[in-house]
C-alpha atoms as a PDB file:
ATOM      1  CA  UNK A   1       4.495  -8.373   0.113  1.00  0.00           C
ATOM      2  CA  UNK A   2       5.440  -7.660  -3.468  1.00  0.00           C
ATOM      3  CA  UNK A   3       5.576 -10.613  -5.803  1.00  0.00           C
ATOM      4  CA  UNK A   4       8.548 -11.167  -8.042  1.00  0.00           C
ATOM      5  CA  UNK A   5       7.494 -11.867 -11.590  1.00  0.00           C
ATOM      6  CA  UNK A   6       9.037 -14.845 -13.309  1.00  0.00           C
ATOM      7  CA  UNK A   7       9.476 -15.317 -17.028  1.00  0.00           C
ATOM      8  CA  UNK A   8       6.318 -17.424 -17.084  1.00  0.00           C
ATOM      9  CA  UNK A   9       3.336 -15.195 -18.009  1.00  0.00           C
ATOM     10  CA  UNK A  10       0.814 -17.696 -16.664  1.00  0.00           C
ATOM     11  CA  UNK A  11       2.501 -17.691 -13.245  1.00  0.00           C
ATOM     12  CA  UNK A  12       2.517 -13.886 -13.237  1.00  0.00           C
ATOM     13  CA  UNK A  13      -1.160 -13.927 -14.139  1.00  0.00           C
ATOM     14  CA  UNK A  14      -1.956 -16.266 -11.248  1.00  0.00           C
ATOM     15  CA  UNK A  15       0.071 -14.141  -8.824  1.00  0.00           C
ATOM     16  CA  UNK A  16      -1.737 -10.867  -9.418  1.00  0.00           C
ATOM     17  CA  UNK A  17      -5.108 -12.559  -9.660  1.00  0.00           C
ATOM     18  CA  UNK A  18      -4.640 -14.387  -6.364  1.00  0.00           C
ATOM     19  CA  UNK A  19      -3.702 -11.127  -4.625  1.00  0.00           C
ATOM     20  CA  UNK A  20      -6.658  -9.369  -6.245  1.00  0.00           C
ATOM     21  CA  UNK A  21      -9.075 -12.023  -4.979  1.00  0.00           C
ATOM     22  CA  UNK A  22      -7.461 -11.929  -1.532  1.00  0.00           C
ATOM     23  CA  UNK A  23      -8.179  -8.193  -1.381  1.00  0.00           C
ATOM     24  CA  UNK A  24     -11.768  -8.588  -2.556  1.00  0.00           C
ATOM     25  CA  UNK A  25     -12.605 -11.367  -0.116  1.00  0.00           C
ATOM     26  CA  UNK A  26     -10.644 -10.214   2.938  1.00  0.00           C
ATOM     27  CA  UNK A  27     -12.958 -10.247   5.943  1.00  0.00           C
ATOM     28  CA  UNK A  28     -10.601  -8.617   8.430  1.00  0.00           C
ATOM     29  CA  UNK A  29     -11.194  -4.878   8.008  1.00  0.00           C
ATOM     30  CA  UNK A  30      -7.762  -4.089   9.398  1.00  0.00           C
ATOM     31  CA  UNK A  31      -6.081  -6.113   6.643  1.00  0.00           C
ATOM     32  CA  UNK A  32      -8.067  -4.732   3.695  1.00  0.00           C
ATOM     33  CA  UNK A  33      -5.832  -1.695   2.946  1.00  0.00           C
ATOM     34  CA  UNK A  34      -2.694  -3.844   2.864  1.00  0.00           C
ATOM     35  CA  UNK A  35      -4.371  -6.472   0.681  1.00  0.00           C
ATOM     36  CA  UNK A  36      -5.452  -3.734  -1.735  1.00  0.00           C
ATOM     37  CA  UNK A  37      -1.920  -2.331  -1.907  1.00  0.00           C
ATOM     38  CA  UNK A  38      -0.435  -5.766  -2.565  1.00  0.00           C
ATOM     39  CA  UNK A  39      -2.915  -6.445  -5.350  1.00  0.00           C
ATOM     40  CA  UNK A  40      -2.370  -3.039  -6.935  1.00  0.00           C
ATOM     41  CA  UNK A  41       1.404  -3.533  -7.011  1.00  0.00           C
ATOM     42  CA  UNK A  42       1.043  -6.969  -8.589  1.00  0.00           C
ATOM     43  CA  UNK A  43      -1.402  -5.643 -11.195  1.00  0.00           C
ATOM     44  CA  UNK A  44       0.901  -2.743 -12.054  1.00  0.00           C
ATOM     45  CA  UNK A  45       3.780  -5.205 -12.418  1.00  0.00           C
ATOM     46  CA  UNK A  46       1.669  -7.243 -14.835  1.00  0.00           C
ATOM     47  CA  UNK A  47       0.713  -4.136 -16.815  1.00  0.00           C
ATOM     48  CA  UNK A  48       4.404  -3.234 -17.155  1.00  0.00           C
ATOM     49  CA  UNK A  49       5.183  -6.782 -18.229  1.00  0.00           C
ATOM     50  CA  UNK A  50       2.506  -6.684 -20.933  1.00  0.00           C
ATOM     51  CA  UNK A  51       3.770  -3.312 -22.135  1.00  0.00           C
ATOM     52  CA  UNK A  52       7.096  -4.835 -23.159  1.00  0.00           C
ATOM     53  CA  UNK A  53       5.640  -8.141 -24.395  1.00  0.00           C
ATOM     54  CA  UNK A  54       4.748  -8.480 -28.038  1.00  0.00           C
ATOM     55  CA  UNK A  55       1.314  -9.659 -29.015  1.00  0.00           C
ATOM     56  CA  UNK A  56      -2.292  -8.710 -28.494  1.00  0.00           C
ATOM     57  CA  UNK A  57      -3.218  -8.478 -24.814  1.00  0.00           C
ATOM     58  CA  UNK A  58      -6.289  -6.255 -25.100  1.00  0.00           C
ATOM     59  CA  UNK A  59      -8.597  -8.529 -23.117  1.00  0.00           C
ATOM     60  CA  UNK A  60      -6.141  -9.001 -20.273  1.00  0.00           C
ATOM     61  CA  UNK A  61      -5.310  -5.283 -20.230  1.00  0.00           C
ATOM     62  CA  UNK A  62      -9.022  -4.505 -19.935  1.00  0.00           C
ATOM     63  CA  UNK A  63      -9.364  -6.982 -17.091  1.00  0.00           C
ATOM     64  CA  UNK A  64      -6.361  -5.422 -15.343  1.00  0.00           C
ATOM     65  CA  UNK A  65      -7.876  -1.958 -15.739  1.00  0.00           C
ATOM     66  CA  UNK A  66     -11.186  -3.222 -14.364  1.00  0.00           C
ATOM     67  CA  UNK A  67      -9.401  -4.847 -11.428  1.00  0.00           C
ATOM     68  CA  UNK A  68      -7.622  -1.584 -10.574  1.00  0.00           C
ATOM     69  CA  UNK A  69     -10.938   0.259 -10.754  1.00  0.00           C
ATOM     70  CA  UNK A  70     -12.567  -2.291  -8.437  1.00  0.00           C
ATOM     71  CA  UNK A  71      -9.691  -1.974  -5.953  1.00  0.00           C
ATOM     72  CA  UNK A  72     -10.040   1.813  -5.977  1.00  0.00           C
ATOM     73  CA  UNK A  73     -13.746   1.427  -5.225  1.00  0.00           C
ATOM     74  CA  UNK A  74     -12.984  -1.057  -2.439  1.00  0.00           C
ATOM     75  CA  UNK A  75     -10.406   1.329  -0.968  1.00  0.00           C
ATOM     76  CA  UNK A  76     -12.940   4.164  -1.058  1.00  0.00           C
ATOM     77  CA  UNK A  77     -15.519   2.018   0.747  1.00  0.00           C
ATOM     78  CA  UNK A  78     -12.967   0.850   3.307  1.00  0.00           C
ATOM     79  CA  UNK A  79     -11.889   4.430   4.052  1.00  0.00           C
ATOM     80  CA  UNK A  80     -15.488   5.576   4.414  1.00  0.00           C
ATOM     81  CA  UNK A  81     -16.224   2.636   6.697  1.00  0.00           C
ATOM     82  CA  UNK A  82     -13.160   3.295   8.845  1.00  0.00           C
ATOM     83  CA  UNK A  83     -14.119   6.967   9.242  1.00  0.00           C
ATOM     84  CA  UNK A  84     -17.640   5.984  10.281  1.00  0.00           C
ATOM     85  CA  UNK A  85     -16.406   3.554  12.926  1.00  0.00           C
END
């Protein structure tokens, strides 16, 4: 499920963050890859939105980068775990 971004930056922020947390805290191993993909798409949407928005967004951009890195690590662990099973 890909979220549609509205003109409200706070709503967009909540959308990607909620999907990010859903991926991190998913307990069903079968659902983890899909949760990661959903969160990554939402984060990339937010990054694109910030790219065209004026102002200083350094802190949020760093958090978005960190979130993508964490999702990559989670994906790597999930793949390793699935191969071991």
